[in-house]
Amino acid sequence: MFLAGIYCRYKCIDKNPEPKFFHFTDNFNTAFRWTTGQHATCWAHCVTGDWRKKPRSLSHLEAASLTLVGGTVWEALVVRAALRVGESILIHGGVGGVGHVAIQVAKAMGARVFTTVREANFEFARTLGADVVIDYEKEDYVDAIMRETGGHGVDVVFDTIGGNTLSRSPDTLAQLGRIVTIVDTSLPQNLVQAWGKNASYHFVFTRQNRGKLDELSALIERGQLRPHIGAVYSLADIPLAHALLETPNNGLRGKIAIAVEPSSHTESA
């Protein structure tokens, strides 16, 4: 099912009887659902304050793709994991829609970044800021982490995969490590390894607010964050976008964006 308006970029052109904070031709980002009607939408979002001007260096599609994903990463790494300068983090699925933003944010926070990707995505992951890339198809990531950290383990694991990946993540943790996952899972979890390391678990369902957009915009302005659009589809081609997402090993990097105007989709490396 496609839910329109979860994250978007729009131009506010409606008349506000009490304009105080912006020009009506400004472009805005938001991560909240549309209300009923075009004019009601503009007014409702603008007065709640849960909006942010689009960073000038980003295209409209890039800005629209970042709000929910960026807020999720900020909640996971800053609020929940409390990642600190000099710590290490393992990001599962480092070239995905959430993972590729997580690598950039973690690097900007001063962490040593490990990530699991396919070999074909090594160079892309490194350009995002990953310090150590692990081919999960050819090497056990637990063994790789222990080798690269001298048996110490990582301070934080950020899971975007779920399932068995979440189950084995405690094996990579250092003492007092933290695991943050954005994936709901019905698979029973054995917490013995986590218990033995005094680990903590955090399950994130994103809470959006303007503060997160402000912080993300600051990273963009400093050149430390830029969302990657892997494919663009029109509204009419949304079924094709879903089909791509559901295709194993689809080669997609970053986000899929939905554009109102184009009649055909494009993909970028």
C-alpha atoms as a PDB file:
ATOM      1  CA  MET A   1       0.000   0.000   0.000  1.00  0.00           C
ATOM      2  CA  PHE A   2       1.281   3.464  -0.859  1.00  0.00           C
ATOM      3  CA  LEU A   3       0.621   6.227   1.672  1.00  0.00           C
ATOM      4  CA  ALA A   4       0.962   9.611   0.038  1.00  0.00           C
ATOM      5  CA  GLY A   5       2.366  12.421   2.091  1.00  0.00           C
ATOM      6  CA  ILE A   6       4.490  10.519   4.579  1.00  0.00           C
ATOM      7  CA  TYR A   7       7.341  12.688   3.418  1.00  0.00           C
ATOM      8  CA  CYS A   8       7.270  15.363   0.808  1.00  0.00           C
ATOM      9  CA  ARG A   9       8.491  18.680  -0.514  1.00  0.00           C
ATOM     10  CA  TYR A  10       5.938  21.334  -1.277  1.00  0.00           C
ATOM     11  CA  LYS A  11       5.589  25.020  -2.043  1.00  0.00           C
ATOM     12  CA  CYS A  12       3.376  27.055   0.235  1.00  0.00           C
ATOM     13  CA  ILE A  13       1.326  29.505  -1.831  1.00  0.00           C
ATOM     14  CA  ASP A  14      -1.880  29.827   0.179  1.00  0.00           C
ATOM     15  CA  LYS A  15      -2.764  33.093   1.878  1.00  0.00           C
ATOM     16  CA  ASN A  16      -1.974  33.258   5.539  1.00  0.00           C
ATOM     17  CA  PRO A  17      -3.904  36.049   7.314  1.00  0.00           C
ATOM     18  CA  GLU A  18      -1.029  36.517   9.760  1.00  0.00           C
ATOM     19  CA  PRO A  19       2.272  35.925   7.919  1.00  0.00           C
ATOM     20  CA  LYS A  20       5.123  35.961  10.387  1.00  0.00           C
ATOM     21  CA  PHE A  21       7.758  33.377   9.599  1.00  0.00           C
ATOM     22  CA  PHE A  22       8.228  32.897   5.866  1.00  0.00           C
ATOM     23  CA  HIS A  23       7.566  34.057   2.337  1.00  0.00           C
ATOM     24  CA  PHE A  24       4.781  32.194   0.587  1.00  0.00           C
ATOM     25  CA  THR A  25       7.007  31.284  -2.339  1.00  0.00           C
ATOM     26  CA  ASP A  26       9.441  29.399  -0.099  1.00  0.00           C
ATOM     27  CA  ASN A  27       9.874  25.632  -0.488  1.00  0.00           C
ATOM     28  CA  PHE A  28       9.285  23.435   2.543  1.00  0.00           C
ATOM     29  CA  ASN A  29      10.026  19.927   3.749  1.00  0.00           C
ATOM     30  CA  THR A  30       7.762  17.958   6.035  1.00  0.00           C
ATOM     31  CA  ALA A  31       7.365  14.363   7.116  1.00  0.00           C
ATOM     32  CA  PHE A  32       3.713  14.441   8.094  1.00  0.00           C
ATOM     33  CA  ARG A  33       0.583  13.222   6.311  1.00  0.00           C
ATOM     34  CA  TRP A  34      -1.433  15.545   4.174  1.00  0.00           C
ATOM     35  CA  THR A  35      -4.637  16.946   5.592  1.00  0.00           C
ATOM     36  CA  THR A  36      -7.748  17.272   3.449  1.00  0.00           C
ATOM     37  CA  GLY A  37      -7.410  19.654   0.531  1.00  0.00           C
ATOM     38  CA  GLN A  38      -4.451  21.534  -0.922  1.00  0.00           C
ATOM     39  CA  HIS A  39      -4.998  24.793   0.952  1.00  0.00           C
ATOM     40  CA  ALA A  40      -5.747  23.070   4.248  1.00  0.00           C
ATOM     41  CA  THR A  41      -2.554  21.066   3.876  1.00  0.00           C
ATOM     42  CA  CYS A  42      -0.379  24.127   3.477  1.00  0.00           C
ATOM     43  CA  TRP A  43      -1.940  25.953   6.411  1.00  0.00           C
ATOM     44  CA  ALA A  44      -2.013  22.950   8.739  1.00  0.00           C
ATOM     45  CA  HIS A  45       1.647  22.092   8.287  1.00  0.00           C
ATOM     46  CA  CYS A  46       2.939  25.630   8.380  1.00  0.00           C
ATOM     47  CA  VAL A  47       1.232  26.579  11.628  1.00  0.00           C
ATOM     48  CA  THR A  48       2.293  23.405  13.480  1.00  0.00           C
ATOM     49  CA  GLY A  49       5.952  24.279  12.977  1.00  0.00           C
ATOM     50  CA  ASP A  50       6.893  20.786  11.796  1.00  0.00           C
ATOM     51  CA  TRP A  51       8.417  22.083   8.586  1.00  0.00           C
ATOM     52  CA  ARG A  52      11.770  23.317   7.431  1.00  0.00           C
ATOM     53  CA  LYS A  53      12.923  25.279   4.394  1.00  0.00           C
ATOM     54  CA  LYS A  54      14.444  23.101   1.720  1.00  0.00           C
ATOM     55  CA  PRO A  55      18.256  23.238   1.808  1.00  0.00           C
ATOM     56  CA  ARG A  56      19.392  25.211  -1.240  1.00  0.00           C
ATOM     57  CA  SER A  57      21.997  22.632  -2.227  1.00  0.00           C
ATOM     58  CA  LEU A  58      19.425  19.835  -2.586  1.00  0.00           C
ATOM     59  CA  SER A  59      17.039  19.192  -5.442  1.00  0.00           C
ATOM     60  CA  HIS A  60      13.349  18.915  -4.658  1.00  0.00           C
ATOM     61  CA  LEU A  61      13.482  15.119  -4.937  1.00  0.00           C
ATOM     62  CA  GLU A  62      16.557  14.877  -2.708  1.00  0.00           C
ATOM     63  CA  ALA A  63      14.916  17.054  -0.071  1.00  0.00           C
ATOM     64  CA  ALA A  64      11.675  15.086  -0.206  1.00  0.00           C
ATOM     65  CA  SER A  65      13.548  11.796   0.165  1.00  0.00           C
ATOM     66  CA  LEU A  66      15.412  12.860   3.301  1.00  0.00           C
ATOM     67  CA  THR A  67      12.790  13.943   5.834  1.00  0.00           C
ATOM     68  CA  LEU A  68      11.512  10.604   7.142  1.00  0.00           C
ATOM     69  CA  VAL A  69      14.748   8.686   6.573  1.00  0.00           C
ATOM     70  CA  GLY A  70      16.870  11.421   8.112  1.00  0.00           C
ATOM     71  CA  GLY A  71      14.572  11.699  11.105  1.00  0.00           C
ATOM     72  CA  THR A  72      14.730   7.947  11.602  1.00  0.00           C
ATOM     73  CA  VAL A  73      18.529   7.962  11.552  1.00  0.00           C
ATOM     74  CA  TRP A  74      18.720  10.933  13.917  1.00  0.00           C
ATOM     75  CA  GLU A  75      16.344   9.251  16.372  1.00  0.00           C
ATOM     76  CA  ALA A  76      18.305   5.996  16.185  1.00  0.00           C
ATOM     77  CA  LEU A  77      21.880   7.267  16.439  1.00  0.00           C
ATOM     78  CA  VAL A  78      21.595  10.498  18.413  1.00  0.00           C
ATOM     79  CA  VAL A  79      18.557  10.026  20.660  1.00  0.00           C
ATOM     80  CA  ARG A  80      18.514   6.280  21.309  1.00  0.00           C
ATOM     81  CA  ALA A  81      22.072   5.003  20.806  1.00  0.00           C
ATOM     82  CA  ALA A  82      23.665   8.262  22.011  1.00  0.00           C
ATOM     83  CA  LEU A  83      26.586   7.597  19.683  1.00  0.00           C
ATOM     84  CA  ARG A  84      29.688   9.489  20.784  1.00  0.00           C
ATOM     85  CA  VAL A  85      32.877  10.723  19.165  1.00  0.00           C
ATOM     86  CA  GLY A  86      35.450   7.942  18.932  1.00  0.00           C
ATOM     87  CA  GLU A  87      32.933   5.104  19.286  1.00  0.00           C
ATOM     88  CA  SER A  88      32.371   2.421  16.671  1.00  0.00           C
ATOM     89  CA  ILE A  89      29.161   1.456  14.919  1.00  0.00           C
ATOM     90  CA  LEU A  90      28.075  -1.404  12.656  1.00  0.00           C
ATOM     91  CA  ILE A  91      25.400  -0.369  10.159  1.00  0.00           C
ATOM     92  CA  HIS A  92      23.627  -3.257   8.497  1.00  0.00           C
ATOM     93  CA  GLY A  93      22.544  -2.554   4.911  1.00  0.00           C
ATOM     94  CA  GLY A  94      24.769   0.460   4.425  1.00  0.00           C
ATOM     95  CA  VAL A  95      23.724   1.402   0.890  1.00  0.00           C
ATOM     96  CA  GLY A  96      19.965   1.155   1.432  1.00  0.00           C
ATOM     97  CA  GLY A  97      17.550   4.034   1.821  1.00  0.00           C
ATOM     98  CA  VAL A  98      18.153   4.354   5.563  1.00  0.00           C
ATOM     99  CA  GLY A  99      21.635   2.854   5.737  1.00  0.00           C
ATOM    100  CA  HIS A 100      23.304   5.265   3.318  1.00  0.00           C
ATOM    101  CA  VAL A 101      22.114   8.223   5.409  1.00  0.00           C
ATOM    102  CA  ALA A 102      23.144   6.476   8.634  1.00  0.00           C
ATOM    103  CA  ILE A 103      26.725   6.067   7.414  1.00  0.00           C
ATOM    104  CA  GLN A 104      27.004   9.793   6.680  1.00  0.00           C
ATOM    105  CA  VAL A 105      25.459  10.876   9.982  1.00  0.00           C
ATOM    106  CA  ALA A 106      27.579   8.448  12.022  1.00  0.00           C
ATOM    107  CA  LYS A 107      30.722   9.678  10.291  1.00  0.00           C
ATOM    108  CA  ALA A 108      29.737  13.302  10.945  1.00  0.00           C
ATOM    109  CA  MET A 109      29.344  12.381  14.632  1.00  0.00           C
ATOM    110  CA  GLY A 110      32.966  11.206  14.744  1.00  0.00           C
ATOM    111  CA  ALA A 111      32.384   7.454  14.861  1.00  0.00           C
ATOM    112  CA  ARG A 112      34.340   4.645  13.231  1.00  0.00           C
ATOM    113  CA  VAL A 113      31.860   3.160  10.773  1.00  0.00           C
ATOM    114  CA  PHE A 114      31.567  -0.501   9.798  1.00  0.00           C
ATOM    115  CA  THR A 115      28.928  -1.606   7.313  1.00  0.00           C
ATOM    116  CA  THR A 116      27.672  -4.745   5.584  1.00  0.00           C
ATOM    117  CA  VAL A 117      27.134  -4.502   1.818  1.00  0.00           C
ATOM    118  CA  ARG A 118      27.649  -6.562  -1.310  1.00  0.00           C
ATOM    119  CA  GLU A 119      31.087  -6.356  -2.926  1.00  0.00           C
ATOM    120  CA  ALA A 120      29.662  -4.371  -5.853  1.00  0.00           C
ATOM    121  CA  ASN A 121      28.770  -1.598  -3.410  1.00  0.00           C
ATOM    122  CA  PHE A 122      32.127  -1.335  -1.619  1.00  0.00           C
ATOM    123  CA  GLU A 123      33.263   1.842  -3.345  1.00  0.00           C
ATOM    124  CA  PHE A 124      29.898   3.543  -2.946  1.00  0.00           C
ATOM    125  CA  ALA A 125      29.865   2.748   0.782  1.00  0.00           C
ATOM    126  CA  ARG A 126      33.365   4.186   1.136  1.00  0.00           C
ATOM    127  CA  THR A 127      32.352   7.408  -0.602  1.00  0.00           C
ATOM    128  CA  LEU A 128      29.600   7.751   2.010  1.00  0.00           C
ATOM    129  CA  GLY A 129      32.201   7.554   4.782  1.00  0.00           C
ATOM    130  CA  ALA A 130      32.388   3.878   5.761  1.00  0.00           C
ATOM    131  CA  ASP A 131      35.755   2.968   7.277  1.00  0.00           C
ATOM    132  CA  VAL A 132      35.375  -0.808   7.002  1.00  0.00           C
ATOM    133  CA  VAL A 133      33.119  -2.537   4.476  1.00  0.00           C
ATOM    134  CA  ILE A 134      32.150  -6.199   4.883  1.00  0.00           C
ATOM    135  CA  ASP A 135      30.813  -8.399   2.095  1.00  0.00           C
ATOM    136  CA  TYR A 136      28.070 -10.258   3.939  1.00  0.00           C
ATOM    137  CA  GLU A 137      27.763 -12.732   1.053  1.00  0.00           C
ATOM    138  CA  LYS A 138      31.370 -13.910   1.348  1.00  0.00           C
ATOM    139  CA  GLU A 139      32.307 -13.345   4.990  1.00  0.00           C
ATOM    140  CA  ASP A 140      30.644 -13.784   8.344  1.00  0.00           C
ATOM    141  CA  TYR A 141      30.206 -10.242   9.632  1.00  0.00           C
ATOM    142  CA  VAL A 142      30.625 -11.303  13.259  1.00  0.00           C
ATOM    143  CA  ASP A 143      34.075 -12.745  12.495  1.00  0.00           C
ATOM    144  CA  ALA A 144      34.969  -9.624  10.492  1.00  0.00           C
ATOM    145  CA  ILE A 145      33.982  -7.259  13.294  1.00  0.00           C
ATOM    146  CA  MET A 146      35.923  -9.202  15.891  1.00  0.00           C
ATOM    147  CA  ARG A 147      38.980  -9.292  13.652  1.00  0.00           C
ATOM    148  CA  GLU A 148      38.852  -5.579  12.837  1.00  0.00           C
ATOM    149  CA  THR A 149      38.300  -4.547  16.471  1.00  0.00           C
ATOM    150  CA  GLY A 150      40.822  -6.911  18.002  1.00  0.00           C
ATOM    151  CA  GLY A 151      38.052  -8.867  19.716  1.00  0.00           C
ATOM    152  CA  HIS A 152      36.612  -5.769  21.384  1.00  0.00           C
ATOM    153  CA  GLY A 153      33.433  -5.454  19.326  1.00  0.00           C
ATOM    154  CA  VAL A 154      31.511  -2.345  18.333  1.00  0.00           C
ATOM    155  CA  ASP A 155      29.748   0.085  20.616  1.00  0.00           C
ATOM    156  CA  VAL A 156      26.576   0.366  18.544  1.00  0.00           C
ATOM    157  CA  VAL A 157      24.752  -1.787  16.006  1.00  0.00           C
ATOM    158  CA  PHE A 158      22.161  -0.151  13.761  1.00  0.00           C
ATOM    159  CA  ASP A 159      19.909  -2.787  12.208  1.00  0.00           C
ATOM    160  CA  THR A 160      17.861  -2.083   9.073  1.00  0.00           C
ATOM    161  CA  ILE A 161      17.461  -5.761   8.104  1.00  0.00           C
ATOM    162  CA  GLY A 162      15.869  -7.657  11.000  1.00  0.00           C
ATOM    163  CA  GLY A 163      15.440 -11.430  11.217  1.00  0.00           C
ATOM    164  CA  ASN A 164      18.612 -13.434  11.752  1.00  0.00           C
ATOM    165  CA  THR A 165      20.710 -10.286  11.329  1.00  0.00           C
ATOM    166  CA  LEU A 166      19.151  -8.827  14.447  1.00  0.00           C
ATOM    167  CA  SER A 167      19.507 -12.152  16.270  1.00  0.00           C
ATOM    168  CA  ARG A 168      23.265 -12.324  15.692  1.00  0.00           C
ATOM    169  CA  SER A 169      24.052  -8.649  16.225  1.00  0.00           C
ATOM    170  CA  PRO A 170      24.763  -9.017  19.991  1.00  0.00           C
ATOM    171  CA  ASP A 171      27.726 -11.224  19.035  1.00  0.00           C
ATOM    172  CA  THR A 172      29.408  -8.130  17.559  1.00  0.00           C
ATOM    173  CA  LEU A 173      28.900  -5.876  20.595  1.00  0.00           C
ATOM    174  CA  ALA A 174      31.424  -4.530  23.047  1.00  0.00           C
ATOM    175  CA  GLN A 175      30.569  -4.363  26.746  1.00  0.00           C
ATOM    176  CA  LEU A 176      27.719  -1.887  27.409  1.00  0.00           C
ATOM    177  CA  GLY A 177      26.942  -1.870  23.706  1.00  0.00           C
ATOM    178  CA  ARG A 178      23.653  -0.703  22.207  1.00  0.00           C
ATOM    179  CA  ILE A 179      21.516  -2.206  19.465  1.00  0.00           C
ATOM    180  CA  VAL A 180      19.011  -0.050  17.610  1.00  0.00           C
ATOM    181  CA  THR A 181      16.617  -1.601  15.100  1.00  0.00           C
ATOM    182  CA  ILE A 182      13.963  -0.061  12.876  1.00  0.00           C
ATOM    183  CA  VAL A 183      12.549  -3.438  11.810  1.00  0.00           C
ATOM    184  CA  ASP A 184       9.686  -5.227  13.517  1.00  0.00           C
ATOM    185  CA  THR A 185      10.347  -8.946  13.812  1.00  0.00           C
ATOM    186  CA  SER A 186       8.310 -11.995  14.788  1.00  0.00           C
ATOM    187  CA  LEU A 187      11.453 -14.099  15.071  1.00  0.00           C
ATOM    188  CA  PRO A 188      12.158 -15.028  18.726  1.00  0.00           C
ATOM    189  CA  GLN A 189      15.354 -13.411  19.968  1.00  0.00           C
ATOM    190  CA  ASN A 190      17.934 -15.102  22.175  1.00  0.00           C
ATOM    191  CA  LEU A 191      19.167 -12.349  24.483  1.00  0.00           C
ATOM    192  CA  VAL A 192      21.804 -14.366  26.351  1.00  0.00           C
ATOM    193  CA  GLN A 193      24.712 -12.756  24.466  1.00  0.00           C
ATOM    194  CA  ALA A 194      23.247  -9.296  24.966  1.00  0.00           C
ATOM    195  CA  TRP A 195      22.673  -9.944  28.667  1.00  0.00           C
ATOM    196  CA  GLY A 196      26.278 -11.080  29.113  1.00  0.00           C
ATOM    197  CA  LYS A 197      27.494  -7.797  27.647  1.00  0.00           C
ATOM    198  CA  ASN A 198      25.132  -5.537  29.607  1.00  0.00           C
ATOM    199  CA  ALA A 199      23.709  -4.444  26.263  1.00  0.00           C
ATOM    200  CA  SER A 200      20.606  -2.349  25.650  1.00  0.00           C
ATOM    201  CA  TYR A 201      18.028  -2.681  22.865  1.00  0.00           C
ATOM    202  CA  HIS A 202      16.123   0.167  21.241  1.00  0.00           C
ATOM    203  CA  PHE A 203      13.214  -0.200  18.828  1.00  0.00           C
ATOM    204  CA  VAL A 204      12.594   2.893  16.751  1.00  0.00           C
ATOM    205  CA  PHE A 205       9.391   4.078  15.140  1.00  0.00           C
ATOM    206  CA  THR A 206      10.260   7.587  14.051  1.00  0.00           C
ATOM    207  CA  ARG A 207       8.936  10.613  15.873  1.00  0.00           C
ATOM    208  CA  GLN A 208       9.344  13.668  13.698  1.00  0.00           C
ATOM    209  CA  ASN A 209       9.896  17.237  14.767  1.00  0.00           C
ATOM    210  CA  ARG A 210      11.409  20.398  13.358  1.00  0.00           C
ATOM    211  CA  GLY A 211      14.519  20.069  15.514  1.00  0.00           C
ATOM    212  CA  LYS A 212      15.627  16.982  13.606  1.00  0.00           C
ATOM    213  CA  LEU A 213      15.168  18.747  10.277  1.00  0.00           C
ATOM    214  CA  ASP A 214      17.244  21.662  11.581  1.00  0.00           C
ATOM    215  CA  GLU A 215      20.090  19.363  12.591  1.00  0.00           C
ATOM    216  CA  LEU A 216      19.983  17.487   9.290  1.00  0.00           C
ATOM    217  CA  SER A 217      19.986  20.764   7.365  1.00  0.00           C
ATOM    218  CA  ALA A 218      23.086  21.849   9.264  1.00  0.00           C
ATOM    219  CA  LEU A 219      24.889  18.667   8.178  1.00  0.00           C
ATOM    220  CA  ILE A 220      23.839  19.277   4.590  1.00  0.00           C
ATOM    221  CA  GLU A 221      25.115  22.849   4.680  1.00  0.00           C
ATOM    222  CA  ARG A 222      28.484  21.618   5.973  1.00  0.00           C
ATOM    223  CA  GLY A 223      28.722  19.083   3.156  1.00  0.00           C
ATOM    224  CA  GLN A 224      28.491  16.111   5.535  1.00  0.00           C
ATOM    225  CA  LEU A 225      25.173  14.710   4.325  1.00  0.00           C
ATOM    226  CA  ARG A 226      23.477  14.252   0.978  1.00  0.00           C
ATOM    227  CA  PRO A 227      20.690  11.776   0.176  1.00  0.00           C
ATOM    228  CA  HIS A 228      21.181   9.556  -2.840  1.00  0.00           C
ATOM    229  CA  ILE A 229      18.290   8.940  -5.231  1.00  0.00           C
ATOM    230  CA  GLY A 230      18.670   5.499  -6.758  1.00  0.00           C
ATOM    231  CA  ALA A 231      15.538   5.603  -8.905  1.00  0.00           C
ATOM    232  CA  VAL A 232      12.730   8.010  -9.763  1.00  0.00           C
ATOM    233  CA  TYR A 233       9.205   6.901 -10.673  1.00  0.00           C
ATOM    234  CA  SER A 234       6.044   8.751 -11.618  1.00  0.00           C
ATOM    235  CA  LEU A 235       2.805   8.429  -9.678  1.00  0.00           C
ATOM    236  CA  ALA A 236       1.472   6.167 -12.403  1.00  0.00           C
ATOM    237  CA  ASP A 237       4.468   3.838 -12.013  1.00  0.00           C
ATOM    238  CA  ILE A 238       4.256   3.334  -8.251  1.00  0.00           C
ATOM    239  CA  PRO A 239       3.544  -0.416  -8.733  1.00  0.00           C
ATOM    240  CA  LEU A 240       6.860  -0.675 -10.584  1.00  0.00           C
ATOM    241  CA  ALA A 241       8.624   1.067  -7.705  1.00  0.00           C
ATOM    242  CA  HIS A 242       7.170  -1.433  -5.237  1.00  0.00           C
ATOM    243  CA  ALA A 243       8.164  -4.300  -7.509  1.00  0.00           C
ATOM    244  CA  LEU A 244      11.745  -3.037  -7.532  1.00  0.00           C
ATOM    245  CA  LEU A 245      11.808  -2.769  -3.748  1.00  0.00           C
ATOM    246  CA  GLU A 246      10.504  -6.305  -3.379  1.00  0.00           C
ATOM    247  CA  THR A 247      13.011  -7.780  -5.848  1.00  0.00           C
ATOM    248  CA  PRO A 248      15.928  -9.529  -4.091  1.00  0.00           C
ATOM    249  CA  ASN A 249      19.385  -8.189  -4.964  1.00  0.00           C
ATOM    250  CA  ASN A 250      17.836  -5.393  -7.015  1.00  0.00           C
ATOM    251  CA  GLY A 251      21.061  -3.361  -7.071  1.00  0.00           C
ATOM    252  CA  LEU A 252      19.277  -0.279  -5.755  1.00  0.00           C
ATOM    253  CA  ARG A 253      21.364   2.277  -3.879  1.00  0.00           C
ATOM    254  CA  GLY A 254      19.744   4.896  -1.682  1.00  0.00           C
ATOM    255  CA  LYS A 255      16.127   5.960  -2.031  1.00  0.00           C
ATOM    256  CA  ILE A 256      13.354   5.582  -4.558  1.00  0.00           C
ATOM    257  CA  ALA A 257      11.626   8.911  -5.192  1.00  0.00           C
ATOM    258  CA  ILE A 258       8.156   9.504  -6.591  1.00  0.00           C
ATOM    259  CA  ALA A 259       7.848  12.539  -8.855  1.00  0.00           C
ATOM    260  CA  VAL A 260       4.485  13.931  -9.880  1.00  0.00           C
ATOM    261  CA  GLU A 261       5.498  15.175 -13.331  1.00  0.00           C
ATOM    262  CA  PRO A 262       7.724  12.556 -15.065  1.00  0.00           C
ATOM    263  CA  SER A 263       5.873   9.911 -17.075  1.00  0.00           C
ATOM    264  CA  SER A 264       8.689   7.365 -16.976  1.00  0.00           C
ATOM    265  CA  HIS A 265      11.190   6.236 -14.379  1.00  0.00           C
ATOM    266  CA  THR A 266      14.921   6.717 -14.327  1.00  0.00           C
ATOM    267  CA  GLU A 267      17.633   5.008 -12.309  1.00  0.00           C
ATOM    268  CA  SER A 268      21.034   6.261 -11.215  1.00  0.00           C
ATOM    269  CA  ALA A 269      24.109   4.405 -10.077  1.00  0.00           C
END
